Amino acid sequence: MKKPDFRLEKVLQYRKSKETEAQKLLKTALIKQEAEKKKLEFLQQEKNRTTAKSEHTESLNVQKKISQDRYLMYLNDCISQQSEKVDTENRRVQNERESVKEKRKDRKILATLKEKEEQTFEKTQRQKEQKKLDEMAVSRFFQTT
């Protein structure tokens, strides 16, 4: 029994490709998000190390103390900027997830429609086959009597 031709097969294939494309974009966004988080972690660890080092060495000369304070201010600025980048990437990932969800929903609608058409076609085929079998049985019945 041959399968019916689904009128919207090209649209279904297009939506599948869009879903795949959106999944790739999400994967890229997740990788970038993770990289930005690692950069932020590194900066925070560097700040912690520098702060711990400056607490242990109280007897520094004024020039070194000023230099460490400037470095800590620089690290705080970097951490602030990196936090903004991480927030931006978090929003981007969320947007990509929504996009994937929407594209999956669109594809599933057509896939469900295709499945229903196939079921209807199969049901119709079974009914036609049953009708032929019934006609053959009636025909044989009348031939034997």
C-alpha atoms as a PDB file:
ATOM      1  CA  MET A   1       0.000   0.000   0.000  1.00  0.00           C
ATOM      2  CA  LYS A   2       1.538   3.289  -1.077  1.00  0.00           C
ATOM      3  CA  LYS A   3       1.726   6.273   1.209  1.00  0.00           C
ATOM      4  CA  PRO A   4      -0.320   9.346   0.343  1.00  0.00           C
ATOM      5  CA  ASP A   5       1.414  12.449  -0.930  1.00  0.00           C
ATOM      6  CA  PHE A   6       1.399  15.049   1.803  1.00  0.00           C
ATOM      7  CA  ARG A   7       0.571  18.395   0.226  1.00  0.00           C
ATOM      8  CA  LEU A   8       2.662  20.348   2.721  1.00  0.00           C
ATOM      9  CA  GLU A   9       5.749  18.100   2.677  1.00  0.00           C
ATOM     10  CA  LYS A  10       8.017  20.902   1.456  1.00  0.00           C
ATOM     11  CA  VAL A  11       6.741  23.199   4.200  1.00  0.00           C
ATOM     12  CA  LEU A  12       7.345  20.451   6.764  1.00  0.00           C
ATOM     13  CA  GLN A  13      10.902  19.961   5.492  1.00  0.00           C
ATOM     14  CA  TYR A  14      11.472  23.723   5.606  1.00  0.00           C
ATOM     15  CA  ARG A  15      10.260  23.878   9.196  1.00  0.00           C
ATOM     16  CA  LYS A  16      12.476  20.940  10.130  1.00  0.00           C
ATOM     17  CA  SER A  17      15.475  22.756   8.678  1.00  0.00           C
ATOM     18  CA  LYS A  18      14.544  25.942  10.550  1.00  0.00           C
ATOM     19  CA  GLU A  19      14.267  23.974  13.786  1.00  0.00           C
ATOM     20  CA  THR A  20      17.682  22.394  13.176  1.00  0.00           C
ATOM     21  CA  GLU A  21      19.145  25.815  12.426  1.00  0.00           C
ATOM     22  CA  ALA A  22      17.665  27.233  15.633  1.00  0.00           C
ATOM     23  CA  GLN A  23      19.104  24.312  17.608  1.00  0.00           C
ATOM     24  CA  LYS A  24      22.556  25.049  16.168  1.00  0.00           C
ATOM     25  CA  LEU A  25      22.216  28.707  17.144  1.00  0.00           C
ATOM     26  CA  LEU A  26      21.208  27.658  20.657  1.00  0.00           C
ATOM     27  CA  LYS A  27      24.213  25.372  20.909  1.00  0.00           C
ATOM     28  CA  THR A  28      26.502  28.210  19.800  1.00  0.00           C
ATOM     29  CA  ALA A  29      24.909  30.563  22.318  1.00  0.00           C
ATOM     30  CA  LEU A  30      25.346  28.011  25.110  1.00  0.00           C
ATOM     31  CA  ILE A  31      29.029  27.586  24.257  1.00  0.00           C
ATOM     32  CA  LYS A  32      29.564  31.348  24.230  1.00  0.00           C
ATOM     33  CA  GLN A  33      27.635  31.703  27.508  1.00  0.00           C
ATOM     34  CA  GLU A  34      29.839  29.088  29.154  1.00  0.00           C
ATOM     35  CA  ALA A  35      33.001  30.803  27.905  1.00  0.00           C
ATOM     36  CA  GLU A  36      31.853  34.156  29.290  1.00  0.00           C
ATOM     37  CA  LYS A  37      31.022  32.546  32.638  1.00  0.00           C
ATOM     38  CA  LYS A  38      34.500  31.020  32.792  1.00  0.00           C
ATOM     39  CA  LYS A  39      36.069  34.412  32.101  1.00  0.00           C
ATOM     40  CA  LEU A  40      34.017  35.924  34.914  1.00  0.00           C
ATOM     41  CA  GLU A  41      35.031  33.119  37.270  1.00  0.00           C
ATOM     42  CA  PHE A  42      38.679  33.663  36.397  1.00  0.00           C
ATOM     43  CA  LEU A  43      38.416  37.392  37.088  1.00  0.00           C
ATOM     44  CA  GLN A  44      36.713  36.772  40.424  1.00  0.00           C
ATOM     45  CA  GLN A  45      39.387  34.259  41.422  1.00  0.00           C
ATOM     46  CA  GLU A  46      42.108  36.719  40.419  1.00  0.00           C
ATOM     47  CA  LYS A  47      40.462  39.398  42.540  1.00  0.00           C
ATOM     48  CA  ASN A  48      40.253  37.002  45.498  1.00  0.00           C
ATOM     49  CA  ARG A  49      43.907  36.036  45.118  1.00  0.00           C
ATOM     50  CA  THR A  50      44.998  39.659  44.894  1.00  0.00           C
ATOM     51  CA  THR A  51      42.890  40.632  47.902  1.00  0.00           C
ATOM     52  CA  ALA A  52      44.292  37.744  49.935  1.00  0.00           C
ATOM     53  CA  LYS A  53      47.819  38.644  48.893  1.00  0.00           C
ATOM     54  CA  SER A  54      47.373  42.300  49.878  1.00  0.00           C
ATOM     55  CA  GLU A  55      45.950  41.308  53.291  1.00  0.00           C
ATOM     56  CA  HIS A  56      48.975  39.121  54.022  1.00  0.00           C
ATOM     57  CA  THR A  57      51.494  41.782  53.086  1.00  0.00           C
ATOM     58  CA  GLU A  58      50.626  44.768  55.259  1.00  0.00           C
ATOM     59  CA  SER A  59      54.105  46.228  55.238  1.00  0.00           C
ATOM     60  CA  LEU A  60      54.234  47.221  51.562  1.00  0.00           C
ATOM     61  CA  ASN A  61      55.584  50.539  50.539  1.00  0.00           C
ATOM     62  CA  VAL A  62      53.126  53.174  49.431  1.00  0.00           C
ATOM     63  CA  GLN A  63      53.863  52.765  45.725  1.00  0.00           C
ATOM     64  CA  LYS A  64      53.111  49.017  45.771  1.00  0.00           C
ATOM     65  CA  LYS A  65      49.954  49.576  47.828  1.00  0.00           C
ATOM     66  CA  ILE A  66      48.711  52.153  45.298  1.00  0.00           C
ATOM     67  CA  SER A  67      49.563  49.756  42.474  1.00  0.00           C
ATOM     68  CA  GLN A  68      47.604  46.914  44.105  1.00  0.00           C
ATOM     69  CA  ASP A  69      44.627  49.203  44.736  1.00  0.00           C
ATOM     70  CA  ARG A  70      44.621  50.269  41.095  1.00  0.00           C
ATOM     71  CA  TYR A  71      44.829  46.638  40.003  1.00  0.00           C
ATOM     72  CA  LEU A  72      41.879  45.771  42.264  1.00  0.00           C
ATOM     73  CA  MET A  73      39.886  48.676  40.817  1.00  0.00           C
ATOM     74  CA  TYR A  74      40.780  47.445  37.324  1.00  0.00           C
ATOM     75  CA  LEU A  75      39.653  43.916  38.253  1.00  0.00           C
ATOM     76  CA  ASN A  76      36.386  45.280  39.679  1.00  0.00           C
ATOM     77  CA  ASP A  77      35.755  47.127  36.398  1.00  0.00           C
ATOM     78  CA  CYS A  78      36.564  43.989  34.411  1.00  0.00           C
ATOM     79  CA  ILE A  79      34.278  41.911  36.614  1.00  0.00           C
ATOM     80  CA  SER A  80      31.489  44.438  36.154  1.00  0.00           C
ATOM     81  CA  GLN A  81      31.896  44.408  32.361  1.00  0.00           C
ATOM     82  CA  GLN A  82      32.140  40.632  32.279  1.00  0.00           C
ATOM     83  CA  SER A  83      28.993  40.329  34.411  1.00  0.00           C
ATOM     84  CA  GLU A  84      27.174  42.430  31.824  1.00  0.00           C
ATOM     85  CA  LYS A  85      28.462  40.148  29.064  1.00  0.00           C
ATOM     86  CA  VAL A  86      27.286  37.084  30.994  1.00  0.00           C
ATOM     87  CA  ASP A  87      23.852  38.671  31.469  1.00  0.00           C
ATOM     88  CA  THR A  88      23.712  39.462  27.757  1.00  0.00           C
ATOM     89  CA  GLU A  89      24.613  35.883  26.894  1.00  0.00           C
ATOM     90  CA  ASN A  90      22.005  34.585  29.357  1.00  0.00           C
ATOM     91  CA  ARG A  91      19.349  36.657  27.586  1.00  0.00           C
ATOM     92  CA  ARG A  92      20.601  35.460  24.208  1.00  0.00           C
ATOM     93  CA  VAL A  93      20.407  31.818  25.320  1.00  0.00           C
ATOM     94  CA  GLN A  94      16.883  32.386  26.633  1.00  0.00           C
ATOM     95  CA  ASN A  95      15.851  33.958  23.316  1.00  0.00           C
ATOM     96  CA  GLU A  96      17.366  31.068  21.380  1.00  0.00           C
ATOM     97  CA  ARG A  97      15.536  28.557  23.589  1.00  0.00           C
ATOM     98  CA  GLU A  98      12.261  30.343  22.909  1.00  0.00           C
ATOM     99  CA  SER A  99      13.045  30.309  19.201  1.00  0.00           C
ATOM    100  CA  VAL A 100      13.743  26.564  19.245  1.00  0.00           C
ATOM    101  CA  LYS A 101      10.553  25.941  21.209  1.00  0.00           C
ATOM    102  CA  GLU A 102       8.496  27.982  18.730  1.00  0.00           C
ATOM    103  CA  LYS A 103      10.040  26.320  15.684  1.00  0.00           C
ATOM    104  CA  ARG A 104       9.543  22.860  17.222  1.00  0.00           C
ATOM    105  CA  LYS A 105       5.891  23.695  17.849  1.00  0.00           C
ATOM    106  CA  ASP A 106       5.454  24.823  14.233  1.00  0.00           C
ATOM    107  CA  ARG A 107       7.068  21.626  12.935  1.00  0.00           C
ATOM    108  CA  LYS A 108       5.024  19.411  15.247  1.00  0.00           C
ATOM    109  CA  ILE A 109       1.797  20.969  14.015  1.00  0.00           C
ATOM    110  CA  LEU A 110       2.595  19.949  10.454  1.00  0.00           C
ATOM    111  CA  ALA A 111       3.946  16.550  11.496  1.00  0.00           C
ATOM    112  CA  THR A 112       0.697  15.877  13.356  1.00  0.00           C
ATOM    113  CA  LEU A 113      -1.297  16.970  10.326  1.00  0.00           C
ATOM    114  CA  LYS A 114       0.751  14.647   8.124  1.00  0.00           C
ATOM    115  CA  GLU A 115       0.230  11.775  10.546  1.00  0.00           C
ATOM    116  CA  LYS A 116      -3.528  12.373  10.622  1.00  0.00           C
ATOM    117  CA  GLU A 117      -3.662  12.437   6.823  1.00  0.00           C
ATOM    118  CA  GLU A 118      -1.757   9.142   6.703  1.00  0.00           C
ATOM    119  CA  GLN A 119      -4.136   7.587   9.230  1.00  0.00           C
ATOM    120  CA  THR A 120      -7.143   8.815   7.257  1.00  0.00           C
ATOM    121  CA  PHE A 121      -5.638   7.440   4.052  1.00  0.00           C
ATOM    122  CA  GLU A 122      -4.955   4.067   5.666  1.00  0.00           C
ATOM    123  CA  LYS A 123      -8.470   3.936   7.092  1.00  0.00           C
ATOM    124  CA  THR A 124      -9.938   4.722   3.684  1.00  0.00           C
ATOM    125  CA  GLN A 125      -7.763   2.055   2.088  1.00  0.00           C
ATOM    126  CA  ARG A 126      -8.878  -0.523   4.655  1.00  0.00           C
ATOM    127  CA  GLN A 127     -12.522   0.398   4.068  1.00  0.00           C
ATOM    128  CA  LYS A 128     -12.094   0.012   0.303  1.00  0.00           C
ATOM    129  CA  GLU A 129     -10.383  -3.318   0.783  1.00  0.00           C
ATOM    130  CA  GLN A 130     -13.120  -4.506   3.136  1.00  0.00           C
ATOM    131  CA  LYS A 131     -15.767  -3.410   0.652  1.00  0.00           C
ATOM    132  CA  LYS A 132     -14.078  -5.440  -2.105  1.00  0.00           C
ATOM    133  CA  LEU A 133     -13.843  -8.467   0.180  1.00  0.00           C
ATOM    134  CA  ASP A 134     -17.527  -8.112   1.096  1.00  0.00           C
ATOM    135  CA  GLU A 135     -18.489  -7.889  -2.570  1.00  0.00           C
ATOM    136  CA  MET A 136     -16.438 -10.991  -3.350  1.00  0.00           C
ATOM    137  CA  ALA A 137     -18.073 -12.879  -0.472  1.00  0.00           C
ATOM    138  CA  VAL A 138     -21.577 -11.879  -1.613  1.00  0.00           C
ATOM    139  CA  SER A 139     -20.725 -12.782  -5.182  1.00  0.00           C
ATOM    140  CA  ARG A 140     -19.473 -16.241  -4.136  1.00  0.00           C
ATOM    141  CA  PHE A 141     -22.461 -16.778  -1.929  1.00  0.00           C
ATOM    142  CA  PHE A 142     -24.832 -16.167  -4.826  1.00  0.00           C
ATOM    143  CA  GLN A 143     -22.699 -18.282  -7.179  1.00  0.00           C
ATOM    144  CA  THR A 144     -22.877 -21.289  -4.856  1.00  0.00           C
ATOM    145  CA  THR A 145     -26.602 -21.061  -4.252  1.00  0.00           C
END
